[in-house]
């Protein structure tokens, strides 16, 4: 029997015994273990082309910012939508999104 590595071991919430990291119930005391939060499991992937299309066609309203999860920036775009500044920035950002690689886009925007 091989010994588990340190990455596959956690400690029981109740008794403190080291148990397998994916164990739902401690084999020593029988207490159910709390679920571990995994922030990357809740993230949905963003499409680079969709973000670029939002930036091109609805960039003056900040639709691409809302799509990418940048709510504060999207609100700023909405507040200044009566000027041409968000529209120009949307066109520039759309070009930037299309010229980035998929890996670079995913690293920055998830």
PDB file of N, CA and C in Angstrom:
ATOM      1  N   UNK A   1       0.842  -1.171   0.000  1.00  0.00           N
ATOM      2  CA  UNK A   1       0.000   0.000   0.000  1.00  0.00           C
ATOM      3  C   UNK A   1       0.887   1.234   0.000  1.00  0.00           C
ATOM      4  N   UNK A   2       0.603   2.151  -0.894  1.00  0.00           N
ATOM      5  CA  UNK A   2       1.400   3.373  -0.977  1.00  0.00           C
ATOM      6  C   UNK A   2       0.838   4.408  -0.024  1.00  0.00           C
ATOM      7  N   UNK A   3       1.713   5.252   0.498  1.00  0.00           N
ATOM      8  CA  UNK A   3       1.247   6.302   1.391  1.00  0.00           C
ATOM      9  C   UNK A   3       0.758   7.480   0.558  1.00  0.00           C
ATOM     10  N   UNK A   4      -0.302   8.121   0.990  1.00  0.00           N
ATOM     11  CA  UNK A   4      -0.827   9.257   0.227  1.00  0.00           C
ATOM     12  C   UNK A   4       0.122  10.437   0.311  1.00  0.00           C
ATOM     13  N   UNK A   5       0.158  11.201  -0.748  1.00  0.00           N
ATOM     14  CA  UNK A   5       0.989  12.402  -0.741  1.00  0.00           C
ATOM     15  C   UNK A   5       0.318  13.483   0.077  1.00  0.00           C
ATOM     16  N   UNK A   6       1.044  14.524   0.379  1.00  0.00           N
ATOM     17  CA  UNK A   6       0.485  15.588   1.207  1.00  0.00           C
ATOM     18  C   UNK A   6      -0.636  16.333   0.506  1.00  0.00           C
ATOM     19  N   UNK A   7      -0.683  16.289  -0.827  1.00  0.00           N
ATOM     20  CA  UNK A   7      -1.757  16.990  -1.525  1.00  0.00           C
ATOM     21  C   UNK A   7      -3.062  16.214  -1.489  1.00  0.00           C
ATOM     22  N   UNK A   8      -3.013  14.905  -1.201  1.00  0.00           N
ATOM     23  CA  UNK A   8      -4.241  14.129  -1.182  1.00  0.00           C
ATOM     24  C   UNK A   8      -4.707  13.835   0.241  1.00  0.00           C
ATOM     25  N   UNK A   9      -4.187  14.551   1.218  1.00  0.00           N
ATOM     26  CA  UNK A   9      -4.557  14.344   2.609  1.00  0.00           C
ATOM     27  C   UNK A   9      -5.126  15.636   3.178  1.00  0.00           C
ATOM     28  N   UNK A  10      -6.177  15.492   3.980  1.00  0.00           N
ATOM     29  CA  UNK A  10      -6.714  16.607   4.753  1.00  0.00           C
ATOM     30  C   UNK A  10      -6.985  16.094   6.155  1.00  0.00           C
ATOM     31  N   UNK A  11      -7.352  16.985   7.033  1.00  0.00           N
ATOM     32  CA  UNK A  11      -7.628  16.594   8.403  1.00  0.00           C
ATOM     33  C   UNK A  11      -9.124  16.648   8.657  1.00  0.00           C
ATOM     34  N   UNK A  12      -9.600  15.695   9.460  1.00  0.00           N
ATOM     35  CA  UNK A  12     -11.012  15.625   9.795  1.00  0.00           C
ATOM     36  C   UNK A  12     -11.438  16.894  10.516  1.00  0.00           C
ATOM     37  N   UNK A  13     -12.600  17.363  10.164  1.00  0.00           N
ATOM     38  CA  UNK A  13     -13.160  18.575  10.759  1.00  0.00           C
ATOM     39  C   UNK A  13     -13.450  18.387  12.248  1.00  0.00           C
ATOM     40  N   UNK A  14     -13.758  17.166  12.641  1.00  0.00           N
ATOM     41  CA  UNK A  14     -14.162  16.907  14.017  1.00  0.00           C
ATOM     42  C   UNK A  14     -13.025  16.376  14.890  1.00  0.00           C
ATOM     43  N   UNK A  15     -12.384  15.292  14.461  1.00  0.00           N
ATOM     44  CA  UNK A  15     -11.392  14.654  15.333  1.00  0.00           C
ATOM     45  C   UNK A  15      -9.952  14.992  14.979  1.00  0.00           C
ATOM     46  N   UNK A  16      -9.697  15.552  13.813  1.00  0.00           N
ATOM     47  CA  UNK A  16      -8.349  15.959  13.430  1.00  0.00           C
ATOM     48  C   UNK A  16      -7.494  14.867  12.829  1.00  0.00           C
ATOM     49  N   UNK A  17      -8.037  13.682  12.616  1.00  0.00           N
ATOM     50  CA  UNK A  17      -7.296  12.589  12.004  1.00  0.00           C
ATOM     51  C   UNK A  17      -7.050  12.900  10.531  1.00  0.00           C
ATOM     52  N   UNK A  18      -5.876  12.522  10.029  1.00  0.00           N
ATOM     53  CA  UNK A  18      -5.605  12.740   8.610  1.00  0.00           C
ATOM     54  C   UNK A  18      -6.386  11.717   7.796  1.00  0.00           C
ATOM     55  N   UNK A  19      -7.131  12.231   6.805  1.00  0.00           N
ATOM     56  CA  UNK A  19      -7.959  11.379   5.949  1.00  0.00           C
ATOM     57  C   UNK A  19      -7.724  11.754   4.499  1.00  0.00           C
ATOM     58  N   UNK A  20      -8.217  10.934   3.601  1.00  0.00           N
ATOM     59  CA  UNK A  20      -8.115  11.188   2.178  1.00  0.00           C
ATOM     60  C   UNK A  20      -8.841  12.488   1.850  1.00  0.00           C
ATOM     61  N   UNK A  21      -8.266  13.298   0.979  1.00  0.00           N
ATOM     62  CA  UNK A  21      -8.790  14.646   0.730  1.00  0.00           C
ATOM     63  C   UNK A  21     -10.200  14.654   0.143  1.00  0.00           C
ATOM     64  N   UNK A  22     -10.609  13.604  -0.558  1.00  0.00           N
ATOM     65  CA  UNK A  22     -11.948  13.583  -1.139  1.00  0.00           C
ATOM     66  C   UNK A  22     -12.941  12.773  -0.297  1.00  0.00           C
ATOM     67  N   UNK A  23     -12.538  12.389   0.911  1.00  0.00           N
ATOM     68  CA  UNK A  23     -13.432  11.619   1.778  1.00  0.00           C
ATOM     69  C   UNK A  23     -14.589  12.488   2.235  1.00  0.00           C
ATOM     70  N   UNK A  24     -15.788  11.945   2.136  1.00  0.00           N
ATOM     71  CA  UNK A  24     -16.967  12.678   2.591  1.00  0.00           C
ATOM     72  C   UNK A  24     -17.250  12.423   4.061  1.00  0.00           C
ATOM     73  N   UNK A  25     -16.853  11.261   4.545  1.00  0.00           N
ATOM     74  CA  UNK A  25     -17.073  10.885   5.933  1.00  0.00           C
ATOM     75  C   UNK A  25     -15.752  10.397   6.508  1.00  0.00           C
ATOM     76  N   UNK A  26     -15.428  10.845   7.711  1.00  0.00           N
ATOM     77  CA  UNK A  26     -14.197  10.422   8.378  1.00  0.00           C
ATOM     78  C   UNK A  26     -14.328   8.958   8.789  1.00  0.00           C
ATOM     79  N   UNK A  27     -13.391   8.075   8.394  1.00  0.00           N
ATOM     80  CA  UNK A  27     -13.492   6.665   8.785  1.00  0.00           C
ATOM     81  C   UNK A  27     -13.211   6.449  10.280  1.00  0.00           C
ATOM     82  N   UNK A  28     -12.590   7.407  10.927  1.00  0.00           N
ATOM     83  CA  UNK A  28     -12.253   7.248  12.336  1.00  0.00           C
ATOM     84  C   UNK A  28     -13.431   7.612  13.243  1.00  0.00           C
ATOM     85  N   UNK A  29     -14.063   8.773  13.026  1.00  0.00           N
ATOM     86  CA  UNK A  29     -15.145   9.224  13.917  1.00  0.00           C
ATOM     87  C   UNK A  29     -16.524   9.199  13.261  1.00  0.00           C
ATOM     88  N   UNK A  30     -16.589   9.065  11.937  1.00  0.00           N
ATOM     89  CA  UNK A  30     -17.865   8.964  11.243  1.00  0.00           C
ATOM     90  C   UNK A  30     -18.566  10.282  10.964  1.00  0.00           C
ATOM     91  N   UNK A  31     -17.885  11.402  11.163  1.00  0.00           N
ATOM     92  CA  UNK A  31     -18.493  12.712  10.947  1.00  0.00           C
ATOM     93  C   UNK A  31     -18.367  13.103   9.473  1.00  0.00           C
ATOM     94  N   UNK A  32     -19.472  13.593   8.915  1.00  0.00           N
ATOM     95  CA  UNK A  32     -19.461  14.053   7.518  1.00  0.00           C
ATOM     96  C   UNK A  32     -18.612  15.316   7.425  1.00  0.00           C
ATOM     97  N   UNK A  33     -17.768  15.377   6.401  1.00  0.00           N
ATOM     98  CA  UNK A  33     -16.853  16.499   6.213  1.00  0.00           C
ATOM     99  C   UNK A  33     -17.528  17.596   5.406  1.00  0.00           C
ATOM    100  N   UNK A  34     -17.258  18.866   5.735  1.00  0.00           N
ATOM    101  CA  UNK A  34     -17.855  19.963   4.961  1.00  0.00           C
ATOM    102  C   UNK A  34     -17.272  19.999   3.554  1.00  0.00           C
ATOM    103  N   UNK A  35     -18.088  20.481   2.623  1.00  0.00           N
ATOM    104  CA  UNK A  35     -17.635  20.601   1.242  1.00  0.00           C
ATOM    105  C   UNK A  35     -16.599  21.707   1.151  1.00  0.00           C
ATOM    106  N   UNK A  36     -15.560  21.480   0.364  1.00  0.00           N
ATOM    107  CA  UNK A  36     -14.532  22.491   0.175  1.00  0.00           C
ATOM    108  C   UNK A  36     -14.946  23.394  -0.971  1.00  0.00           C
ATOM    109  N   UNK A  37     -14.732  24.687  -0.792  1.00  0.00           N
ATOM    110  CA  UNK A  37     -15.076  25.660  -1.812  1.00  0.00           C
ATOM    111  C   UNK A  37     -14.021  25.653  -2.901  1.00  0.00           C
ATOM    112  N   UNK A  38     -14.456  25.541  -4.132  1.00  0.00           N
ATOM    113  CA  UNK A  38     -13.571  25.573  -5.284  1.00  0.00           C
ATOM    114  C   UNK A  38     -14.006  26.719  -6.184  1.00  0.00           C
ATOM    115  N   UNK A  39     -13.323  27.898  -6.106  1.00  0.00           N
ATOM    116  CA  UNK A  39     -13.792  29.047  -6.883  1.00  0.00           C
ATOM    117  C   UNK A  39     -13.728  28.829  -8.385  1.00  0.00           C
ATOM    118  N   UNK A  40     -12.819  27.993  -8.860  1.00  0.00           N
ATOM    119  CA  UNK A  40     -12.728  27.783 -10.306  1.00  0.00           C
ATOM    120  C   UNK A  40     -13.865  26.920 -10.829  1.00  0.00           C
ATOM    121  N   UNK A  41     -14.553  26.200  -9.958  1.00  0.00           N
ATOM    122  CA  UNK A  41     -15.673  25.376 -10.408  1.00  0.00           C
ATOM    123  C   UNK A  41     -16.877  26.234 -10.771  1.00  0.00           C
ATOM    124  N   UNK A  42     -17.020  27.393 -10.142  1.00  0.00           N
ATOM    125  CA  UNK A  42     -18.159  28.265 -10.413  1.00  0.00           C
ATOM    126  C   UNK A  42     -17.938  29.181 -11.606  1.00  0.00           C
ATOM    127  N   UNK A  43     -16.731  29.324 -12.027  1.00  0.00           N
ATOM    128  CA  UNK A  43     -16.446  30.252 -13.123  1.00  0.00           C
ATOM    129  C   UNK A  43     -16.880  29.657 -14.447  1.00  0.00           C
ATOM    130  N   UNK A  44     -17.517  30.466 -15.231  1.00  0.00           N
ATOM    131  CA  UNK A  44     -17.843  30.012 -16.571  1.00  0.00           C
ATOM    132  C   UNK A  44     -16.843  30.644 -17.523  1.00  0.00           C
ATOM    133  N   UNK A  45     -16.529  29.931 -18.548  1.00  0.00           N
ATOM    134  CA  UNK A  45     -15.543  30.459 -19.486  1.00  0.00           C
ATOM    135  C   UNK A  45     -16.188  31.512 -20.383  1.00  0.00           C
ATOM    136  N   UNK A  46     -15.432  32.514 -20.719  1.00  0.00           N
ATOM    137  CA  UNK A  46     -15.908  33.589 -21.571  1.00  0.00           C
ATOM    138  C   UNK A  46     -15.364  33.367 -22.982  1.00  0.00           C
ATOM    139  N   UNK A  47     -16.189  33.637 -23.958  1.00  0.00           N
ATOM    140  CA  UNK A  47     -15.793  33.467 -25.347  1.00  0.00           C
ATOM    141  C   UNK A  47     -15.189  34.769 -25.855  1.00  0.00           C
ATOM    142  N   UNK A  48     -14.015  34.664 -26.438  1.00  0.00           N
ATOM    143  CA  UNK A  48     -13.282  35.829 -26.934  1.00  0.00           C
ATOM    144  C   UNK A  48     -14.029  36.514 -28.072  1.00  0.00           C
ATOM    145  N   UNK A  49     -14.568  35.752 -28.990  1.00  0.00           N
ATOM    146  CA  UNK A  49     -15.268  36.321 -30.142  1.00  0.00           C
ATOM    147  C   UNK A  49     -16.571  36.987 -29.700  1.00  0.00           C
ATOM    148  N   UNK A  50     -17.282  36.371 -28.756  1.00  0.00           N
ATOM    149  CA  UNK A  50     -18.518  36.975 -28.260  1.00  0.00           C
ATOM    150  C   UNK A  50     -18.227  38.310 -27.574  1.00  0.00           C
ATOM    151  N   UNK A  51     -17.154  38.357 -26.794  1.00  0.00           N
ATOM    152  CA  UNK A  51     -16.785  39.612 -26.142  1.00  0.00           C
ATOM    153  C   UNK A  51     -16.444  40.673 -27.172  1.00  0.00           C
ATOM    154  N   UNK A  52     -15.758  40.283 -28.235  1.00  0.00           N
ATOM    155  CA  UNK A  52     -15.403  41.233 -29.288  1.00  0.00           C
ATOM    156  C   UNK A  52     -16.651  41.737 -30.013  1.00  0.00           C
ATOM    157  N   UNK A  53     -17.607  40.860 -30.273  1.00  0.00           N
ATOM    158  CA  UNK A  53     -18.843  41.284 -30.935  1.00  0.00           C
ATOM    159  C   UNK A  53     -19.651  42.228 -30.054  1.00  0.00           C
ATOM    160  N   UNK A  54     -19.703  41.922 -28.764  1.00  0.00           N
ATOM    161  CA  UNK A  54     -20.367  42.848 -27.836  1.00  0.00           C
ATOM    162  C   UNK A  54     -19.668  44.202 -27.844  1.00  0.00           C
ATOM    163  N   UNK A  55     -18.340  44.184 -27.875  1.00  0.00           N
ATOM    164  CA  UNK A  55     -17.591  45.443 -27.867  1.00  0.00           C
ATOM    165  C   UNK A  55     -17.843  46.238 -29.146  1.00  0.00           C
ATOM    166  N   UNK A  56     -17.897  45.560 -30.300  1.00  0.00           N
ATOM    167  CA  UNK A  56     -18.115  46.260 -31.563  1.00  0.00           C
ATOM    168  C   UNK A  56     -19.513  46.862 -31.656  1.00  0.00           C
ATOM    169  N   UNK A  57     -20.526  46.060 -31.345  1.00  0.00           N
ATOM    170  CA  UNK A  57     -21.893  46.494 -31.592  1.00  0.00           C
ATOM    171  C   UNK A  57     -22.569  47.192 -30.412  1.00  0.00           C
ATOM    172  N   UNK A  58     -22.203  46.811 -29.186  1.00  0.00           N
ATOM    173  CA  UNK A  58     -22.826  47.411 -28.007  1.00  0.00           C
ATOM    174  C   UNK A  58     -21.794  48.011 -27.061  1.00  0.00           C
ATOM    175  N   UNK A  59     -20.629  48.321 -27.595  1.00  0.00           N
ATOM    176  CA  UNK A  59     -19.548  48.844 -26.768  1.00  0.00           C
ATOM    177  C   UNK A  59     -19.848  50.174 -26.129  1.00  0.00           C
ATOM    178  N   UNK A  60     -20.649  50.988 -26.768  1.00  0.00           N
ATOM    179  CA  UNK A  60     -20.967  52.288 -26.186  1.00  0.00           C
ATOM    180  C   UNK A  60     -21.819  52.155 -24.930  1.00  0.00           C
ATOM    181  N   UNK A  61     -22.477  51.010 -24.739  1.00  0.00           N
ATOM    182  CA  UNK A  61     -23.268  50.760 -23.539  1.00  0.00           C
ATOM    183  C   UNK A  61     -22.542  49.860 -22.538  1.00  0.00           C
ATOM    184  N   UNK A  62     -21.332  49.413 -22.876  1.00  0.00           N
ATOM    185  CA  UNK A  62     -20.545  48.588 -21.965  1.00  0.00           C
ATOM    186  C   UNK A  62     -20.984  47.145 -21.884  1.00  0.00           C
ATOM    187  N   UNK A  63     -21.670  46.640 -22.895  1.00  0.00           N
ATOM    188  CA  UNK A  63     -22.159  45.257 -22.852  1.00  0.00           C
ATOM    189  C   UNK A  63     -21.016  44.258 -22.722  1.00  0.00           C
ATOM    190  N   UNK A  64     -19.888  44.532 -23.360  1.00  0.00           N
ATOM    191  CA  UNK A  64     -18.751  43.621 -23.276  1.00  0.00           C
ATOM    192  C   UNK A  64     -18.170  43.604 -21.869  1.00  0.00           C
ATOM    193  N   UNK A  65     -18.222  44.714 -21.163  1.00  0.00           N
ATOM    194  CA  UNK A  65     -17.729  44.757 -19.789  1.00  0.00           C
ATOM    195  C   UNK A  65     -18.632  43.947 -18.868  1.00  0.00           C
ATOM    196  N   UNK A  66     -19.946  44.067 -19.051  1.00  0.00           N
ATOM    197  CA  UNK A  66     -20.866  43.263 -18.256  1.00  0.00           C
ATOM    198  C   UNK A  66     -20.673  41.780 -18.566  1.00  0.00           C
ATOM    199  N   UNK A  67     -20.472  41.443 -19.837  1.00  0.00           N
ATOM    200  CA  UNK A  67     -20.265  40.050 -20.235  1.00  0.00           C
ATOM    201  C   UNK A  67     -19.004  39.474 -19.602  1.00  0.00           C
ATOM    202  N   UNK A  68     -17.965  40.285 -19.482  1.00  0.00           N
ATOM    203  CA  UNK A  68     -16.706  39.816 -18.920  1.00  0.00           C
ATOM    204  C   UNK A  68     -16.677  39.889 -17.395  1.00  0.00           C
ATOM    205  N   UNK A  69     -17.755  40.328 -16.777  1.00  0.00           N
ATOM    206  CA  UNK A  69     -17.825  40.366 -15.328  1.00  0.00           C
ATOM    207  C   UNK A  69     -17.237  41.616 -14.704  1.00  0.00           C
ATOM    208  N   UNK A  70     -16.964  42.620 -15.493  1.00  0.00           N
ATOM    209  CA  UNK A  70     -16.448  43.891 -14.993  1.00  0.00           C
ATOM    210  C   UNK A  70     -17.617  44.867 -14.857  1.00  0.00           C
ATOM    211  N   UNK A  71     -18.407  44.656 -13.825  1.00  0.00           N
ATOM    212  CA  UNK A  71     -19.654  45.393 -13.656  1.00  0.00           C
ATOM    213  C   UNK A  71     -19.410  46.888 -13.452  1.00  0.00           C
ATOM    214  N   UNK A  72     -18.424  47.225 -12.643  1.00  0.00           N
ATOM    215  CA  UNK A  72     -18.133  48.641 -12.381  1.00  0.00           C
ATOM    216  C   UNK A  72     -17.760  49.391 -13.642  1.00  0.00           C
ATOM    217  N   UNK A  73     -16.931  48.771 -14.476  1.00  0.00           N
ATOM    218  CA  UNK A  73     -16.556  49.413 -15.733  1.00  0.00           C
ATOM    219  C   UNK A  73     -17.750  49.506 -16.671  1.00  0.00           C
ATOM    220  N   UNK A  74     -18.622  48.488 -16.638  1.00  0.00           N
ATOM    221  CA  UNK A  74     -19.819  48.536 -17.459  1.00  0.00           C
ATOM    222  C   UNK A  74     -20.744  49.682 -17.066  1.00  0.00           C
ATOM    223  N   UNK A  75     -20.844  49.935 -15.770  1.00  0.00           N
ATOM    224  CA  UNK A  75     -21.665  51.052 -15.302  1.00  0.00           C
ATOM    225  C   UNK A  75     -21.055  52.376 -15.755  1.00  0.00           C
ATOM    226  N   UNK A  76     -19.731  52.491 -15.711  1.00  0.00           N
ATOM    227  CA  UNK A  76     -19.083  53.711 -16.209  1.00  0.00           C
ATOM    228  C   UNK A  76     -19.366  53.926 -17.692  1.00  0.00           C
ATOM    229  N   UNK A  77     -19.321  52.861 -18.455  1.00  0.00           N
ATOM    230  CA  UNK A  77     -19.641  52.977 -19.883  1.00  0.00           C
ATOM    231  C   UNK A  77     -21.080  53.445 -20.066  1.00  0.00           C
ATOM    232  N   UNK A  78     -21.994  52.930 -19.239  1.00  0.00           N
ATOM    233  CA  UNK A  78     -23.384  53.365 -19.342  1.00  0.00           C
ATOM    234  C   UNK A  78     -23.540  54.837 -18.983  1.00  0.00           C
ATOM    235  N   UNK A  79     -22.837  55.264 -17.939  1.00  0.00           N
ATOM    236  CA  UNK A  79     -22.958  56.656 -17.521  1.00  0.00           C
ATOM    237  C   UNK A  79     -22.457  57.632 -18.575  1.00  0.00           C
ATOM    238  N   UNK A  80     -21.424  57.216 -19.303  1.00  0.00           N
ATOM    239  CA  UNK A  80     -20.849  58.088 -20.332  1.00  0.00           C
ATOM    240  C   UNK A  80     -21.274  57.698 -21.743  1.00  0.00           C
ATOM    241  N   UNK A  81     -22.343  56.900 -21.868  1.00  0.00           N
ATOM    242  CA  UNK A  81     -22.763  56.445 -23.193  1.00  0.00           C
ATOM    243  C   UNK A  81     -23.264  57.584 -24.071  1.00  0.00           C
ATOM    244  N   UNK A  82     -23.623  58.710 -23.496  1.00  0.00           N
ATOM    245  CA  UNK A  82     -24.085  59.847 -24.302  1.00  0.00           C
ATOM    246  C   UNK A  82     -22.932  60.518 -25.033  1.00  0.00           C
ATOM    247  N   UNK A  83     -21.688  60.237 -24.604  1.00  0.00           N
ATOM    248  CA  UNK A  83     -20.520  60.736 -25.338  1.00  0.00           C
ATOM    249  C   UNK A  83     -20.064  59.650 -26.305  1.00  0.00           C
ATOM    250  N   UNK A  84     -19.139  59.943 -27.133  1.00  0.00           N
ATOM    251  CA  UNK A  84     -18.619  58.937 -28.060  1.00  0.00           C
ATOM    252  C   UNK A  84     -17.430  58.166 -27.480  1.00  0.00           C
ATOM    253  N   UNK A  85     -17.004  58.527 -26.299  1.00  0.00           N
ATOM    254  CA  UNK A  85     -15.827  57.901 -25.702  1.00  0.00           C
ATOM    255  C   UNK A  85     -16.007  56.389 -25.515  1.00  0.00           C
ATOM    256  N   UNK A  86     -17.109  55.891 -24.907  1.00  0.00           N
ATOM    257  CA  UNK A  86     -17.262  54.442 -24.767  1.00  0.00           C
ATOM    258  C   UNK A  86     -17.345  53.706 -26.106  1.00  0.00           C
ATOM    259  N   UNK A  87     -17.928  54.341 -27.120  1.00  0.00           N
ATOM    260  CA  UNK A  87     -18.023  53.696 -28.426  1.00  0.00           C
ATOM    261  C   UNK A  87     -16.639  53.510 -29.029  1.00  0.00           C
ATOM    262  N   UNK A  88     -15.800  54.528 -28.921  1.00  0.00           N
ATOM    263  CA  UNK A  88     -14.434  54.437 -29.448  1.00  0.00           C
ATOM    264  C   UNK A  88     -13.634  53.405 -28.671  1.00  0.00           C
ATOM    265  N   UNK A  89     -13.766  53.448 -27.337  1.00  0.00           N
ATOM    266  CA  UNK A  89     -13.066  52.453 -26.514  1.00  0.00           C
ATOM    267  C   UNK A  89     -13.557  51.041 -26.812  1.00  0.00           C
ATOM    268  N   UNK A  90     -14.849  50.882 -27.064  1.00  0.00           N
ATOM    269  CA  UNK A  90     -15.395  49.577 -27.406  1.00  0.00           C
ATOM    270  C   UNK A  90     -14.816  49.024 -28.690  1.00  0.00           C
ATOM    271  N   UNK A  91     -14.655  49.881 -29.692  1.00  0.00           N
ATOM    272  CA  UNK A  91     -14.038  49.428 -30.943  1.00  0.00           C
ATOM    273  C   UNK A  91     -12.588  48.999 -30.732  1.00  0.00           C
ATOM    274  N   UNK A  92     -11.865  49.793 -29.962  1.00  0.00           N
ATOM    275  CA  UNK A  92     -10.464  49.455 -29.688  1.00  0.00           C
ATOM    276  C   UNK A  92     -10.368  48.152 -28.900  1.00  0.00           C
ATOM    277  N   UNK A  93     -11.215  48.009 -27.874  1.00  0.00           N
ATOM    278  CA  UNK A  93     -11.176  46.786 -27.069  1.00  0.00           C
ATOM    279  C   UNK A  93     -11.613  45.567 -27.873  1.00  0.00           C
ATOM    280  N   UNK A  94     -12.558  45.731 -28.781  1.00  0.00           N
ATOM    281  CA  UNK A  94     -12.951  44.626 -29.643  1.00  0.00           C
ATOM    282  C   UNK A  94     -11.801  44.136 -30.497  1.00  0.00           C
ATOM    283  N   UNK A  95     -11.015  45.060 -31.025  1.00  0.00           N
ATOM    284  CA  UNK A  95      -9.836  44.681 -31.811  1.00  0.00           C
ATOM    285  C   UNK A  95      -8.812  43.980 -30.927  1.00  0.00           C
ATOM    286  N   UNK A  96      -8.635  44.485 -29.707  1.00  0.00           N
ATOM    287  CA  UNK A  96      -7.685  43.857 -28.776  1.00  0.00           C
ATOM    288  C   UNK A  96      -8.126  42.437 -28.443  1.00  0.00           C
ATOM    289  N   UNK A  97      -9.418  42.237 -28.197  1.00  0.00           N
ATOM    290  CA  UNK A  97      -9.916  40.898 -27.880  1.00  0.00           C
ATOM    291  C   UNK A  97      -9.667  39.924 -29.026  1.00  0.00           C
ATOM    292  N   UNK A  98      -9.848  40.393 -30.256  1.00  0.00           N
ATOM    293  CA  UNK A  98      -9.653  39.505 -31.398  1.00  0.00           C
ATOM    294  C   UNK A  98      -8.186  39.193 -31.673  1.00  0.00           C
ATOM    295  N   UNK A  99      -7.287  40.104 -31.296  1.00  0.00           N
ATOM    296  CA  UNK A  99      -5.872  39.857 -31.558  1.00  0.00           C
ATOM    297  C   UNK A  99      -5.199  39.041 -30.457  1.00  0.00           C
ATOM    298  N   UNK A 100      -5.836  38.897 -29.319  1.00  0.00           N
ATOM    299  CA  UNK A 100      -5.269  38.077 -28.241  1.00  0.00           C
ATOM    300  C   UNK A 100      -5.444  36.602 -28.567  1.00  0.00           C
ATOM    301  N   UNK A 101      -4.535  35.797 -28.057  1.00  0.00           N
ATOM    302  CA  UNK A 101      -4.702  34.350 -28.197  1.00  0.00           C
ATOM    303  C   UNK A 101      -5.758  33.882 -27.195  1.00  0.00           C
ATOM    304  N   UNK A 102      -6.301  32.699 -27.427  1.00  0.00           N
ATOM    305  CA  UNK A 102      -7.311  32.168 -26.525  1.00  0.00           C
ATOM    306  C   UNK A 102      -6.758  31.987 -25.115  1.00  0.00           C
ATOM    307  N   UNK A 103      -5.504  31.559 -25.019  1.00  0.00           N
ATOM    308  CA  UNK A 103      -4.890  31.342 -23.715  1.00  0.00           C
ATOM    309  C   UNK A 103      -4.713  32.653 -22.959  1.00  0.00           C
ATOM    310  N   UNK A 104      -4.255  33.685 -23.652  1.00  0.00           N
ATOM    311  CA  UNK A 104      -4.060  34.993 -23.010  1.00  0.00           C
ATOM    312  C   UNK A 104      -5.398  35.589 -22.594  1.00  0.00           C
ATOM    313  N   UNK A 105      -6.426  35.428 -23.429  1.00  0.00           N
ATOM    314  CA  UNK A 105      -7.746  35.946 -23.091  1.00  0.00           C
ATOM    315  C   UNK A 105      -8.323  35.221 -21.883  1.00  0.00           C
ATOM    316  N   UNK A 106      -8.184  33.878 -21.868  1.00  0.00           N
ATOM    317  CA  UNK A 106      -8.705  33.106 -20.738  1.00  0.00           C
ATOM    318  C   UNK A 106      -7.966  33.426 -19.459  1.00  0.00           C
ATOM    319  N   UNK A 107      -6.654  33.707 -19.555  1.00  0.00           N
ATOM    320  CA  UNK A 107      -5.892  34.042 -18.353  1.00  0.00           C
ATOM    321  C   UNK A 107      -6.328  35.376 -17.773  1.00  0.00           C
ATOM    322  N   UNK A 108      -6.689  36.308 -18.627  1.00  0.00           N
ATOM    323  CA  UNK A 108      -7.066  37.638 -18.139  1.00  0.00           C
ATOM    324  C   UNK A 108      -8.538  37.743 -17.741  1.00  0.00           C
ATOM    325  N   UNK A 109      -9.416  37.110 -18.490  1.00  0.00           N
ATOM    326  CA  UNK A 109     -10.850  37.275 -18.260  1.00  0.00           C
ATOM    327  C   UNK A 109     -11.551  36.017 -17.786  1.00  0.00           C
ATOM    328  N   UNK A 110     -10.853  34.915 -17.683  1.00  0.00           N
ATOM    329  CA  UNK A 110     -11.454  33.673 -17.186  1.00  0.00           C
ATOM    330  C   UNK A 110     -12.341  33.063 -18.173  1.00  0.00           C
TER     331      UNK A 110
END
